[in-house]
C-alpha atoms as a PDB file:
ATOM      1  CA  MET A   1     -29.432 -69.940  16.264  1.00  0.00           C
ATOM      2  CA  LYS A   2     -26.631 -69.032  18.672  1.00  0.00           C
ATOM      3  CA  ILE A   3     -25.460 -72.639  18.782  1.00  0.00           C
ATOM      4  CA  LYS A   4     -25.365 -72.748  14.993  1.00  0.00           C
ATOM      5  CA  ILE A   5     -23.224 -69.601  14.802  1.00  0.00           C
ATOM      6  CA  ASN A   6     -20.788 -70.990  17.399  1.00  0.00           C
ATOM      7  CA  PHE A   7     -20.558 -74.223  15.436  1.00  0.00           C
ATOM      8  CA  ILE A   8     -19.741 -72.319  12.220  1.00  0.00           C
ATOM      9  CA  TRP A   9     -17.004 -70.341  14.040  1.00  0.00           C
ATOM     10  CA  MET A  10     -15.514 -73.568  15.356  1.00  0.00           C
ATOM     11  CA  LEU A  11     -15.432 -75.008  11.838  1.00  0.00           C
ATOM     12  CA  LEU A  12     -13.699 -71.897  10.503  1.00  0.00           C
ATOM     13  CA  MET A  13     -11.094 -71.966  13.277  1.00  0.00           C
ATOM     14  CA  ALA A  14     -10.448 -75.653  12.686  1.00  0.00           C
ATOM     15  CA  PHE A  15     -10.062 -75.035   8.965  1.00  0.00           C
ATOM     16  CA  VAL A  16      -7.519 -72.233   9.544  1.00  0.00           C
ATOM     17  CA  LEU A  17      -5.628 -74.318  12.095  1.00  0.00           C
ATOM     18  CA  PHE A  18      -5.372 -77.438   9.966  1.00  0.00           C
ATOM     19  CA  SER A  19      -4.576 -75.480   6.813  1.00  0.00           C
ATOM     20  CA  GLY A  20      -1.645 -73.856   8.672  1.00  0.00           C
ATOM     21  CA  CYS A  21      -0.466 -77.214   9.959  1.00  0.00           C
ATOM     22  CA  SER A  22      -0.664 -78.764   6.513  1.00  0.00           C
ATOM     23  CA  LYS A  23       1.431 -75.903   5.158  1.00  0.00           C
ATOM     24  CA  ASP A  24       4.107 -76.600   7.784  1.00  0.00           C
ATOM     25  CA  MET A  25       3.897 -80.335   7.185  1.00  0.00           C
ATOM     26  CA  ASP A  26       4.505 -79.810   3.470  1.00  0.00           C
ATOM     27  CA  GLU A  27       7.902 -78.208   4.252  1.00  0.00           C
ATOM     28  CA  TYR A  28       9.938 -81.377   3.780  1.00  0.00           C
ATOM     29  CA  ASN A  29      11.335 -83.536   1.007  1.00  0.00           C
ATOM     30  CA  LYS A  30      12.078 -80.486  -1.139  1.00  0.00           C
ATOM     31  CA  PRO A  31      14.850 -80.027  -3.728  1.00  0.00           C
ATOM     32  CA  ALA A  32      18.117 -78.489  -2.541  1.00  0.00           C
ATOM     33  CA  LEU A  33      17.490 -75.405  -4.655  1.00  0.00           C
ATOM     34  CA  TYR A  34      14.192 -74.837  -2.832  1.00  0.00           C
ATOM     35  CA  TRP A  35      15.877 -74.787   0.598  1.00  0.00           C
ATOM     36  CA  TYR A  36      18.686 -72.608  -0.746  1.00  0.00           C
ATOM     37  CA  GLY A  37      16.166 -70.093  -2.057  1.00  0.00           C
ATOM     38  CA  LYS A  38      14.354 -70.077   1.291  1.00  0.00           C
ATOM     39  CA  ILE A  39      17.665 -69.373   3.084  1.00  0.00           C
ATOM     40  CA  ILE A  40      18.389 -66.392   0.830  1.00  0.00           C
ATOM     41  CA  GLU A  41      14.817 -65.121   1.162  1.00  0.00           C
ATOM     42  CA  SER A  42      14.925 -65.325   4.977  1.00  0.00           C
ATOM     43  CA  ILE A  43      18.275 -63.533   5.136  1.00  0.00           C
ATOM     44  CA  SER A  44      16.893 -60.794   2.886  1.00  0.00           C
ATOM     45  CA  ASP A  45      13.996 -60.371   5.333  1.00  0.00           C
ATOM     46  CA  GLY A  46      16.415 -60.238   8.283  1.00  0.00           C
ATOM     47  CA  ASN A  47      15.033 -63.447   9.800  1.00  0.00           C
ATOM     48  CA  LEU A  48      18.238 -65.386  10.506  1.00  0.00           C
ATOM     49  CA  GLU A  49      16.536 -67.844  12.828  1.00  0.00           C
ATOM     50  CA  LYS A  50      14.307 -69.053  10.005  1.00  0.00           C
ATOM     51  CA  ALA A  51      17.318 -69.099   7.677  1.00  0.00           C
ATOM     52  CA  ASP A  52      19.150 -71.369  10.135  1.00  0.00           C
ATOM     53  CA  ASN A  53      16.145 -73.714  10.182  1.00  0.00           C
ATOM     54  CA  TYR A  54      16.072 -73.877   6.385  1.00  0.00           C
ATOM     55  CA  TYR A  55      19.811 -74.568   6.435  1.00  0.00           C
ATOM     56  CA  SER A  56      19.177 -77.532   8.762  1.00  0.00           C
ATOM     57  CA  SER A  57      16.630 -78.859   6.246  1.00  0.00           C
ATOM     58  CA  LEU A  58      19.075 -78.417   3.372  1.00  0.00           C
ATOM     59  CA  GLN A  59      21.828 -80.155   5.292  1.00  0.00           C
ATOM     60  CA  GLY A  60      19.557 -82.954   6.513  1.00  0.00           C
ATOM     61  CA  GLU A  61      17.918 -83.773   3.173  1.00  0.00           C
ATOM     62  CA  HIS A  62      20.822 -83.036   0.815  1.00  0.00           C
ATOM     63  CA  ILE A  63      24.043 -83.733   2.686  1.00  0.00           C
ATOM     64  CA  GLY A  64      26.042 -83.910  -0.543  1.00  0.00           C
ATOM     65  CA  SER A  65      24.549 -80.891  -2.266  1.00  0.00           C
ATOM     66  CA  PRO A  66      27.025 -78.493  -3.926  1.00  0.00           C
ATOM     67  CA  LEU A  67      24.866 -75.662  -2.590  1.00  0.00           C
ATOM     68  CA  LEU A  68      25.787 -76.458   1.027  1.00  0.00           C
ATOM     69  CA  PRO A  69      29.259 -74.822   1.083  1.00  0.00           C
ATOM     70  CA  GLU A  70      27.938 -71.571  -0.344  1.00  0.00           C
ATOM     71  CA  ALA A  71      24.933 -71.565   2.004  1.00  0.00           C
ATOM     72  CA  THR A  72      27.249 -72.148   4.975  1.00  0.00           C
ATOM     73  CA  MET A  73      29.473 -69.204   4.079  1.00  0.00           C
ATOM     74  CA  ILE A  74      26.466 -66.962   3.366  1.00  0.00           C
ATOM     75  CA  LEU A  75      25.031 -67.677   6.815  1.00  0.00           C
ATOM     76  CA  ALA A  76      28.418 -67.059   8.457  1.00  0.00           C
ATOM     77  CA  ILE A  77      28.680 -63.633   6.822  1.00  0.00           C
ATOM     78  CA  ALA A  78      25.023 -62.829   7.556  1.00  0.00           C
ATOM     79  CA  HIS A  79      25.414 -63.583  11.270  1.00  0.00           C
ATOM     80  CA  MET A  80      28.557 -61.442  11.376  1.00  0.00           C
ATOM     81  CA  HIS A  81      26.657 -58.595   9.709  1.00  0.00           C
ATOM     82  CA  TYR A  82      24.002 -58.790  12.433  1.00  0.00           C
ATOM     83  CA  GLU A  83      26.719 -58.900  15.144  1.00  0.00           C
ATOM     84  CA  GLU A  84      25.967 -62.512  16.088  1.00  0.00           C
ATOM     85  CA  TYR A  85      29.630 -63.410  16.222  1.00  0.00           C
ATOM     86  CA  LEU A  86      29.407 -66.763  18.000  1.00  0.00           C
ATOM     87  CA  LEU A  87      26.977 -68.100  15.411  1.00  0.00           C
ATOM     88  CA  SER A  88      29.165 -66.680  12.651  1.00  0.00           C
ATOM     89  CA  GLU A  89      32.154 -68.547  14.053  1.00  0.00           C
ATOM     90  CA  HIS A  90      30.067 -71.733  14.285  1.00  0.00           C
ATOM     91  CA  PHE A  91      29.257 -71.652  10.564  1.00  0.00           C
ATOM     92  CA  LEU A  92      32.858 -70.768   9.703  1.00  0.00           C
ATOM     93  CA  ASP A  93      34.082 -73.775  11.704  1.00  0.00           C
ATOM     94  CA  GLU A  94      31.611 -75.946   9.813  1.00  0.00           C
ATOM     95  CA  TYR A  95      32.847 -74.507   6.519  1.00  0.00           C
ATOM     96  CA  VAL A  96      36.525 -75.104   7.352  1.00  0.00           C
ATOM     97  CA  LYS A  97      35.989 -78.667   8.577  1.00  0.00           C
ATOM     98  CA  ARG A  98      33.746 -79.904   5.762  1.00  0.00           C
ATOM     99  CA  TYR A  99      33.952 -77.827   2.620  1.00  0.00           C
ATOM    100  CA  ALA A 100      36.914 -75.458   2.346  1.00  0.00           C
ATOM    101  CA  THR A 101      39.819 -75.954  -0.026  1.00  0.00           C
ATOM    102  CA  MET A 102      43.236 -74.589   0.927  1.00  0.00           C
ATOM    103  CA  ASN A 103      42.544 -71.150  -0.547  1.00  0.00           C
ATOM    104  CA  GLU A 104      39.036 -71.051   0.875  1.00  0.00           C
ATOM    105  CA  LYS A 105      40.313 -72.154   4.289  1.00  0.00           C
ATOM    106  CA  GLU A 106      42.592 -69.116   4.439  1.00  0.00           C
ATOM    107  CA  GLU A 107      39.661 -66.747   3.945  1.00  0.00           C
ATOM    108  CA  ALA A 108      37.508 -68.619   6.460  1.00  0.00           C
ATOM    109  CA  GLU A 109      40.255 -68.538   9.094  1.00  0.00           C
ATOM    110  CA  PHE A 110      40.596 -64.798   8.547  1.00  0.00           C
ATOM    111  CA  LEU A 111      36.847 -64.325   9.022  1.00  0.00           C
ATOM    112  CA  LYS A 112      36.994 -66.345  12.257  1.00  0.00           C
ATOM    113  CA  ILE A 113      39.656 -63.992  13.628  1.00  0.00           C
ATOM    114  CA  LYS A 114      37.584 -61.016  12.502  1.00  0.00           C
ATOM    115  CA  ALA A 115      34.543 -62.422  14.326  1.00  0.00           C
ATOM    116  CA  LYS A 116      36.548 -62.835  17.551  1.00  0.00           C
ATOM    117  CA  TYR A 117      37.997 -59.344  17.197  1.00  0.00           C
ATOM    118  CA  MET A 118      34.650 -57.677  16.550  1.00  0.00           C
ATOM    119  CA  ALA A 119      33.113 -59.496  19.535  1.00  0.00           C
ATOM    120  CA  LEU A 120      35.311 -57.416  21.873  1.00  0.00           C
ATOM    121  CA  PRO A 121      33.707 -53.960  22.218  1.00  0.00           C
ATOM    122  CA  ASN A 122      34.716 -53.916  25.907  1.00  0.00           C
ATOM    123  CA  PRO A 123      38.044 -55.786  26.229  1.00  0.00           C
ATOM    124  CA  ARG A 124      38.205 -55.451  30.013  1.00  0.00           C
ATOM    125  CA  ARG A 125      35.217 -57.762  30.308  1.00  0.00           C
ATOM    126  CA  ASP A 126      36.499 -60.914  28.586  1.00  0.00           C
ATOM    127  CA  GLN A 127      40.098 -61.956  29.116  1.00  0.00           C
ATOM    128  CA  ALA A 128      39.573 -65.474  27.739  1.00  0.00           C
ATOM    129  CA  LEU A 129      38.225 -64.164  24.426  1.00  0.00           C
ATOM    130  CA  ILE A 130      41.217 -61.827  24.074  1.00  0.00           C
ATOM    131  CA  GLN A 131      43.603 -64.738  24.589  1.00  0.00           C
ATOM    132  CA  ASP A 132      41.714 -66.927  22.100  1.00  0.00           C
ATOM    133  CA  ALA A 133      41.791 -64.158  19.502  1.00  0.00           C
ATOM    134  CA  ILE A 134      45.529 -63.599  20.038  1.00  0.00           C
ATOM    135  CA  LYS A 135      46.278 -67.306  19.623  1.00  0.00           C
ATOM    136  CA  ALA A 136      44.173 -67.491  16.449  1.00  0.00           C
ATOM    137  CA  ALA A 137      45.855 -64.407  14.964  1.00  0.00           C
ATOM    138  CA  GLU A 138      49.358 -65.655  15.791  1.00  0.00           C
ATOM    139  CA  SER A 139      48.517 -69.035  14.260  1.00  0.00           C
ATOM    140  CA  PHE A 140      47.220 -67.335  11.103  1.00  0.00           C
ATOM    141  CA  LYS A 141      50.444 -65.340  10.701  1.00  0.00           C
ATOM    142  CA  ARG A 142      52.505 -68.527  11.018  1.00  0.00           C
ATOM    143  CA  ASN A 143      50.375 -70.562   8.626  1.00  0.00           C
ATOM    144  CA  TYR A 144      49.782 -67.882   5.986  1.00  0.00           C
ATOM    145  CA  PRO A 145      52.843 -65.588   5.853  1.00  0.00           C
ATOM    146  CA  ASN A 146      52.038 -64.521   2.267  1.00  0.00           C
ATOM    147  CA  SER A 147      48.313 -64.019   2.771  1.00  0.00           C
ATOM    148  CA  MET A 148      46.560 -60.963   1.380  1.00  0.00           C
ATOM    149  CA  TYR A 149      44.989 -60.644   4.837  1.00  0.00           C
ATOM    150  CA  TYR A 150      48.339 -60.708   6.676  1.00  0.00           C
ATOM    151  CA  ASN A 151      48.569 -56.944   7.319  1.00  0.00           C
ATOM    152  CA  VAL A 152      44.957 -56.758   8.490  1.00  0.00           C
ATOM    153  CA  VAL A 153      45.492 -59.632  10.926  1.00  0.00           C
ATOM    154  CA  ASP A 154      48.734 -58.043  12.103  1.00  0.00           C
ATOM    155  CA  THR A 155      46.898 -54.793  12.873  1.00  0.00           C
ATOM    156  CA  MET A 156      44.168 -56.632  14.782  1.00  0.00           C
ATOM    157  CA  LEU A 157      46.810 -58.604  16.690  1.00  0.00           C
ATOM    158  CA  THR A 158      48.635 -55.432  17.733  1.00  0.00           C
ATOM    159  CA  ARG A 159      45.395 -53.963  19.052  1.00  0.00           C
ATOM    160  CA  LEU A 160      44.676 -57.207  20.887  1.00  0.00           C
ATOM    161  CA  TYR A 161      48.099 -57.003  22.546  1.00  0.00           C
ATOM    162  CA  LEU A 162      47.271 -53.478  23.683  1.00  0.00           C
ATOM    163  CA  ALA A 163      43.867 -54.615  24.955  1.00  0.00           C
ATOM    164  CA  GLN A 164      45.502 -57.418  26.908  1.00  0.00           C
ATOM    165  CA  ALA A 165      48.044 -54.978  28.388  1.00  0.00           C
ATOM    166  CA  ALA A 166      45.241 -52.584  29.372  1.00  0.00           C
ATOM    167  CA  LEU A 167      43.396 -55.429  31.093  1.00  0.00           C
ATOM    168  CA  ASN A 168      46.534 -56.475  32.980  1.00  0.00           C
ATOM    169  CA  GLU A 169      47.071 -52.877  34.069  1.00  0.00           C
ATOM    170  CA  THR A 170      43.470 -52.729  35.293  1.00  0.00           C
ATOM    171  CA  ILE A 171      44.013 -55.862  37.397  1.00  0.00           C
ATOM    172  CA  ALA A 172      47.317 -54.453  38.685  1.00  0.00           C
ATOM    173  CA  SER A 173      45.554 -51.204  39.652  1.00  0.00           C
ATOM    174  CA  LEU A 174      43.002 -53.246  41.566  1.00  0.00           C
ATOM    175  CA  TYR A 175      45.815 -54.949  43.505  1.00  0.00           C
ATOM    176  CA  ASP A 176      47.345 -51.529  44.204  1.00  0.00           C
ATOM    177  CA  ARG A 177      44.073 -50.411  45.781  1.00  0.00           C
ATOM    178  CA  LEU A 178      44.058 -53.635  47.842  1.00  0.00           C
ATOM    179  CA  ASP A 179      47.644 -52.959  48.943  1.00  0.00           C
ATOM    180  CA  LYS A 180      49.025 -56.071  47.193  1.00  0.00           C
ATOM    181  CA  PRO A 181      52.267 -54.855  45.581  1.00  0.00           C
ATOM    182  CA  LYS A 182      53.560 -58.314  44.606  1.00  0.00           C
ATOM    183  CA  SER A 183      50.378 -59.235  42.768  1.00  0.00           C
ATOM    184  CA  ALA A 184      50.339 -55.843  41.051  1.00  0.00           C
ATOM    185  CA  ALA A 185      53.967 -56.302  39.996  1.00  0.00           C
ATOM    186  CA  TYR A 186      53.131 -59.760  38.627  1.00  0.00           C
ATOM    187  CA  TYR A 187      50.533 -58.360  36.219  1.00  0.00           C
ATOM    188  CA  ARG A 188      52.616 -55.359  35.250  1.00  0.00           C
ATOM    189  CA  ALA A 189      55.426 -57.747  34.299  1.00  0.00           C
ATOM    190  CA  ILE A 190      53.210 -59.417  31.670  1.00  0.00           C
ATOM    191  CA  LYS A 191      54.114 -57.624  28.458  1.00  0.00           C
ATOM    192  CA  PRO A 192      53.300 -59.726  25.370  1.00  0.00           C
ATOM    193  CA  GLN A 193      55.657 -57.897  22.993  1.00  0.00           C
ATOM    194  CA  PRO A 194      58.880 -56.152  24.070  1.00  0.00           C
ATOM    195  CA  TRP A 195      58.939 -54.018  20.906  1.00  0.00           C
ATOM    196  CA  ILE A 196      55.855 -52.075  21.986  1.00  0.00           C
ATOM    197  CA  LYS A 197      56.717 -48.870  23.869  1.00  0.00           C
ATOM    198  CA  TRP A 198      54.262 -49.246  26.702  1.00  0.00           C
ATOM    199  CA  ASP A 199      55.120 -45.856  28.206  1.00  0.00           C
ATOM    200  CA  GLU A 200      53.759 -44.208  25.070  1.00  0.00           C
ATOM    201  CA  ILE A 201      50.461 -46.074  25.108  1.00  0.00           C
ATOM    202  CA  ASP A 202      47.458 -44.093  26.307  1.00  0.00           C
ATOM    203  CA  ARG A 203      44.613 -45.841  28.098  1.00  0.00           C
ATOM    204  CA  ALA A 204      41.376 -45.941  26.127  1.00  0.00           C
ATOM    205  CA  ASN A 205      38.806 -43.417  27.301  1.00  0.00           C
ATOM    206  CA  THR A 206      35.755 -44.899  28.979  1.00  0.00           C
ATOM    207  CA  PRO A 207      32.473 -43.329  27.740  1.00  0.00           C
ATOM    208  CA  TRP A 208      30.830 -41.110  30.339  1.00  0.00           C
ATOM    209  CA  TYR A 209      27.720 -43.305  30.544  1.00  0.00           C
ATOM    210  CA  ARG A 210      29.891 -46.305  31.472  1.00  0.00           C
ATOM    211  CA  SER A 211      32.382 -44.506  33.684  1.00  0.00           C
ATOM    212  CA  TRP A 212      29.569 -43.608  36.112  1.00  0.00           C
ATOM    213  CA  PHE A 213      29.160 -47.305  36.935  1.00  0.00           C
ATOM    214  CA  GLU A 214      32.445 -48.961  35.953  1.00  0.00           C
ATOM    215  CA  GLY A 215      35.027 -46.259  36.569  1.00  0.00           C
ATOM    216  CA  ASP A 216      37.865 -45.736  34.126  1.00  0.00           C
ATOM    217  CA  GLY A 217      39.786 -48.891  35.025  1.00  0.00           C
ATOM    218  CA  THR A 218      41.923 -47.178  37.653  1.00  0.00           C
ATOM    219  CA  SER A 219      39.286 -46.494  40.288  1.00  0.00           C
ATOM    220  CA  SER A 220      35.552 -46.717  40.977  1.00  0.00           C
ATOM    221  CA  TRP A 221      33.099 -43.911  41.653  1.00  0.00           C
ATOM    222  CA  TYR A 222      32.253 -45.457  45.041  1.00  0.00           C
ATOM    223  CA  ALA A 223      35.895 -45.744  46.160  1.00  0.00           C
ATOM    224  CA  PHE A 224      35.544 -42.788  48.555  1.00  0.00           C
ATOM    225  CA  MET A 225      32.963 -44.768  50.554  1.00  0.00           C
ATOM    226  CA  ILE A 226      35.299 -47.708  51.276  1.00  0.00           C
ATOM    227  CA  PRO A 227      37.471 -47.210  54.398  1.00  0.00           C
ATOM    228  CA  ASP A 228      41.138 -47.898  53.753  1.00  0.00           C
ATOM    229  CA  THR A 229      41.566 -50.249  56.710  1.00  0.00           C
ATOM    230  CA  GLN A 230      42.588 -53.875  57.018  1.00  0.00           C
ATOM    231  CA  SER A 231      39.629 -54.596  59.324  1.00  0.00           C
ATOM    232  CA  VAL A 232      37.144 -54.070  56.502  1.00  0.00           C
ATOM    233  CA  VAL A 233      38.667 -56.592  54.116  1.00  0.00           C
ATOM    234  CA  SER A 234      39.542 -59.182  56.787  1.00  0.00           C
ATOM    235  CA  ARG A 235      36.430 -59.112  58.967  1.00  0.00           C
ATOM    236  CA  ASN A 236      35.335 -62.525  57.655  1.00  0.00           C
ATOM    237  CA  SER A 237      38.665 -64.200  58.310  1.00  0.00           C
ATOM    238  CA  VAL A 238      38.674 -67.310  60.517  1.00  0.00           C
ATOM    239  CA  GLN A 239      40.160 -66.558  63.916  1.00  0.00           C
ATOM    240  CA  ASP A 240      42.845 -68.813  65.364  1.00  0.00           C
ATOM    241  CA  ASP A 241      41.848 -70.467  68.671  1.00  0.00           C
ATOM    242  CA  THR A 242      45.380 -71.636  69.525  1.00  0.00           C
ATOM    243  CA  PRO A 243      46.184 -71.163  73.245  1.00  0.00           C
ATOM    244  CA  VAL A 244      48.319 -68.156  74.063  1.00  0.00           C
ATOM    245  CA  VAL A 245      51.791 -69.690  74.086  1.00  0.00           C
ATOM    246  CA  LYS A 246      54.731 -67.642  72.870  1.00  0.00           C
ATOM    247  CA  LYS A 247      52.277 -64.828  72.218  1.00  0.00           C
ATOM    248  CA  GLU A 248      54.461 -62.621  70.022  1.00  0.00           C
ATOM    249  CA  LYS A 249      55.358 -65.412  67.585  1.00  0.00           C
ATOM    250  CA  ILE A 250      51.773 -66.687  67.318  1.00  0.00           C
ATOM    251  CA  GLU A 251      50.345 -63.213  66.647  1.00  0.00           C
ATOM    252  CA  LYS A 252      52.855 -62.728  63.854  1.00  0.00           C
ATOM    253  CA  THR A 253      51.907 -66.082  62.311  1.00  0.00           C
ATOM    254  CA  VAL A 254      48.164 -65.291  62.525  1.00  0.00           C
ATOM    255  CA  THR A 255      48.674 -61.950  60.804  1.00  0.00           C
ATOM    256  CA  ILE A 256      50.516 -63.611  57.924  1.00  0.00           C
ATOM    257  CA  ASN A 257      47.890 -66.327  57.587  1.00  0.00           C
ATOM    258  CA  GLU A 258      45.033 -63.814  57.533  1.00  0.00           C
ATOM    259  CA  ALA A 259      46.782 -61.766  54.862  1.00  0.00           C
ATOM    260  CA  GLN A 260      47.333 -64.868  52.757  1.00  0.00           C
ATOM    261  CA  LYS A 261      43.708 -65.900  53.168  1.00  0.00           C
ATOM    262  CA  HIS A 262      42.582 -62.472  52.023  1.00  0.00           C
ATOM    263  CA  GLU A 263      44.892 -62.543  48.978  1.00  0.00           C
ATOM    264  CA  LEU A 264      43.631 -65.998  48.024  1.00  0.00           C
ATOM    265  CA  LEU A 265      40.047 -64.772  48.355  1.00  0.00           C
ATOM    266  CA  GLN A 266      40.749 -61.834  46.049  1.00  0.00           C
ATOM    267  CA  ALA A 267      42.440 -64.142  43.526  1.00  0.00           C
ATOM    268  CA  GLN A 268      39.435 -66.485  43.580  1.00  0.00           C
ATOM    269  CA  GLU A 269      37.071 -63.575  42.962  1.00  0.00           C
ATOM    270  CA  LEU A 270      39.150 -62.478  39.967  1.00  0.00           C
ATOM    271  CA  ARG A 271      39.121 -66.025  38.594  1.00  0.00           C
ATOM    272  CA  ASP A 272      35.374 -66.469  39.122  1.00  0.00           C
ATOM    273  CA  SER A 273      34.648 -63.155  37.394  1.00  0.00           C
ATOM    274  CA  GLY A 274      36.764 -64.171  34.392  1.00  0.00           C
ATOM    275  CA  ALA A 275      39.404 -61.484  34.933  1.00  0.00           C
ATOM    276  CA  ILE A 276      42.164 -64.115  35.201  1.00  0.00           C
ATOM    277  CA  THR A 277      42.461 -67.660  33.907  1.00  0.00           C
ATOM    278  CA  GLN A 278      42.811 -70.820  35.983  1.00  0.00           C
ATOM    279  CA  GLU A 279      46.528 -71.004  35.139  1.00  0.00           C
ATOM    280  CA  GLU A 280      47.073 -67.450  36.325  1.00  0.00           C
ATOM    281  CA  PHE A 281      45.086 -68.200  39.474  1.00  0.00           C
ATOM    282  CA  GLU A 282      47.303 -71.214  40.215  1.00  0.00           C
ATOM    283  CA  ALA A 283      50.418 -69.083  39.746  1.00  0.00           C
ATOM    284  CA  LEU A 284      49.027 -66.456  42.114  1.00  0.00           C
ATOM    285  CA  ARG A 285      48.010 -69.106  44.637  1.00  0.00           C
ATOM    286  CA  LYS A 286      51.519 -70.566  44.606  1.00  0.00           C
ATOM    287  CA  GLU A 287      53.074 -67.131  45.021  1.00  0.00           C
ATOM    288  CA  ILE A 288      50.768 -66.245  47.926  1.00  0.00           C
ATOM    289  CA  THR A 289      51.127 -69.521  49.838  1.00  0.00           C
ATOM    290  CA  GLU A 290      54.923 -69.637  49.487  1.00  0.00           C
ATOM    291  CA  LYS A 291      55.437 -66.111  50.840  1.00  0.00           C
ATOM    292  CA  LYS A 292      57.471 -66.008  54.040  1.00  0.00           C
END
């Protein structure tokens, strides 16, 4: 009797399993309107991953469907609404490259800039994204001087300039704490727009729950624990084993070399963390190695 019951349960499980598989297997070779409806239904349910899968089916089975452009734009806006800005930009790129007319391209380019802008809640954490957004906004203003979105893009661009200046000031403050005045002066000299009165710009306030861990951009909460001595930052420097000949001159040379090594190390850490670009790192490296 027990064996019979187990056999019946196995049959029921197999039936459920194969019925589910057959349902999934039937999801192909459908009309374009079917896939379009599934995309809208999934977005309405908040399931964007399933909507993306249905979009792949629509695109794969009906590459020339007139529903594709609209579905692409709908998914771009939906991903932006759910703060998935990279995916939103992906669909906008697809829309611009394959479907957009001149008027539609203008709107799509604006939405791409908006996606980049909204992806920057903490500007001090992503210098590359700030630069990309600035380039895109400047390009938009050149290409569409009479656009209805011009003033909005101009406002976003101004705020991006301020964000970039705040980031440069943060890096300069770091160099001040490391006693690197030339490097600090280099970043303070980077002012994207001369018409902005930088002395009247106030630094954005860091929320209290972030300032405990990140500081306010000018210092860190653990700064009091770090001794302000050269021995701490240069303890890993390679020592020179040159014989003691002309001692005074050699000691002076070693001191300069150790300082340059430390500055290069700091520059590499900034580059690796994304605080500066490779081009800026090369400029710093040249400045450090050519110092007398």
